[in-house]
């Protein structure tokens, strides 16, 4: 394998002041939600948790949706 030779291999733009001035910071990660969810810790019966987890992936989302419907209809 040949050694790195900047005259042959360097295709990066020069980092002069004009280039750096035009740079914008990158945004990493997931976009911020308008109404972010809040992490809570509750204690549930073992059988209840076993049943919910047994329903497959997305069980926490389904529980959240059900609770949201109950709140919206005034049932809780």
Protein backbone atom coordinates (compact mmCIF):
# COMPACT_ATOMS: atom_id res chain seq x y z
CA UNK A 1 0.00 0.00 0.00
CA UNK A 2 1.29 3.45 -0.85
CA UNK A 3 1.82 6.11 1.76
CA UNK A 4 -0.47 9.12 2.01
CA UNK A 5 0.72 11.90 -0.26
CA UNK A 6 -1.28 15.14 0.17
CA UNK A 7 -0.43 16.23 -3.36
CA UNK A 8 -2.17 13.14 -4.77
CA UNK A 9 -4.75 12.12 -2.17
CA UNK A 10 -5.94 15.33 -0.50
CA UNK A 11 -9.33 16.32 -1.93
CA UNK A 12 -10.53 18.19 1.16
CA UNK A 13 -11.22 21.92 0.84
CA UNK A 14 -8.82 24.29 2.51
CA UNK A 15 -9.89 25.37 5.98
CA UNK A 16 -9.48 29.11 5.46
CA UNK A 17 -11.43 31.80 7.37
CA UNK A 18 -14.11 32.10 4.69
CA UNK A 19 -14.78 28.36 4.76
CA UNK A 20 -14.96 28.23 8.57
CA UNK A 21 -17.26 31.30 8.68
CA UNK A 22 -19.75 29.50 6.44
CA UNK A 23 -19.92 26.40 8.62
CA UNK A 24 -23.02 25.62 10.68
CA UNK A 25 -23.10 23.37 13.74
CA UNK A 26 -24.58 19.96 13.02
CA UNK A 27 -27.72 18.83 14.83
CA UNK A 28 -27.33 15.32 16.09
CA UNK A 29 -29.88 12.91 17.39
CA UNK A 30 -33.62 12.71 17.15
CA UNK A 31 -35.57 15.91 16.41
CA UNK A 32 -37.09 17.54 19.47
CA UNK A 33 -40.80 16.83 19.99
CA UNK A 34 -43.33 19.61 20.53
CA UNK A 35 -44.70 17.75 23.54
CA UNK A 36 -41.97 15.44 24.83
CA UNK A 37 -42.88 12.44 26.92
CA UNK A 38 -42.06 12.36 30.62
CA UNK A 39 -40.28 9.40 32.18
CA UNK A 40 -42.15 8.09 35.23
CA UNK A 41 -41.72 5.13 37.53
CA UNK A 42 -44.81 3.31 38.77
CA UNK A 43 -45.25 0.03 40.62
CA UNK A 44 -47.52 -2.52 38.95
CA UNK A 45 -48.50 -6.08 39.78
CA UNK A 46 -46.09 -8.66 38.35
CA UNK A 47 -48.88 -10.42 36.43
CA UNK A 48 -49.95 -7.13 34.86
CA UNK A 49 -46.42 -6.35 33.67
CA UNK A 50 -45.94 -9.92 32.43
CA UNK A 51 -49.15 -9.69 30.42
CA UNK A 52 -48.25 -6.30 28.94
CA UNK A 53 -44.71 -7.32 28.00
CA UNK A 54 -46.07 -10.56 26.58
CA UNK A 55 -48.16 -8.58 24.12
CA UNK A 56 -44.96 -7.83 22.20
CA UNK A 57 -42.89 -4.82 21.19
CA UNK A 58 -44.60 -1.48 21.56
CA UNK A 59 -46.46 -2.42 24.76
CA UNK A 60 -45.48 0.83 26.48
CA UNK A 61 -46.83 2.85 23.55
CA UNK A 62 -50.10 0.90 23.65
CA UNK A 63 -50.44 1.50 27.41
CA UNK A 64 -49.77 5.22 26.83
CA UNK A 65 -52.41 5.37 24.08
CA UNK A 66 -54.99 3.61 26.25
CA UNK A 67 -54.32 5.89 29.21
CA UNK A 68 -54.55 8.91 26.92
CA UNK A 69 -57.99 7.78 25.67
CA UNK A 70 -59.21 7.22 29.22
CA UNK A 71 -58.06 10.70 30.24
CA UNK A 72 -59.61 12.29 27.13
CA UNK A 73 -63.00 10.68 27.83
CA UNK A 74 -62.89 11.63 31.50
CA UNK A 75 -62.82 8.03 32.72
CA UNK A 76 -59.74 8.68 34.85
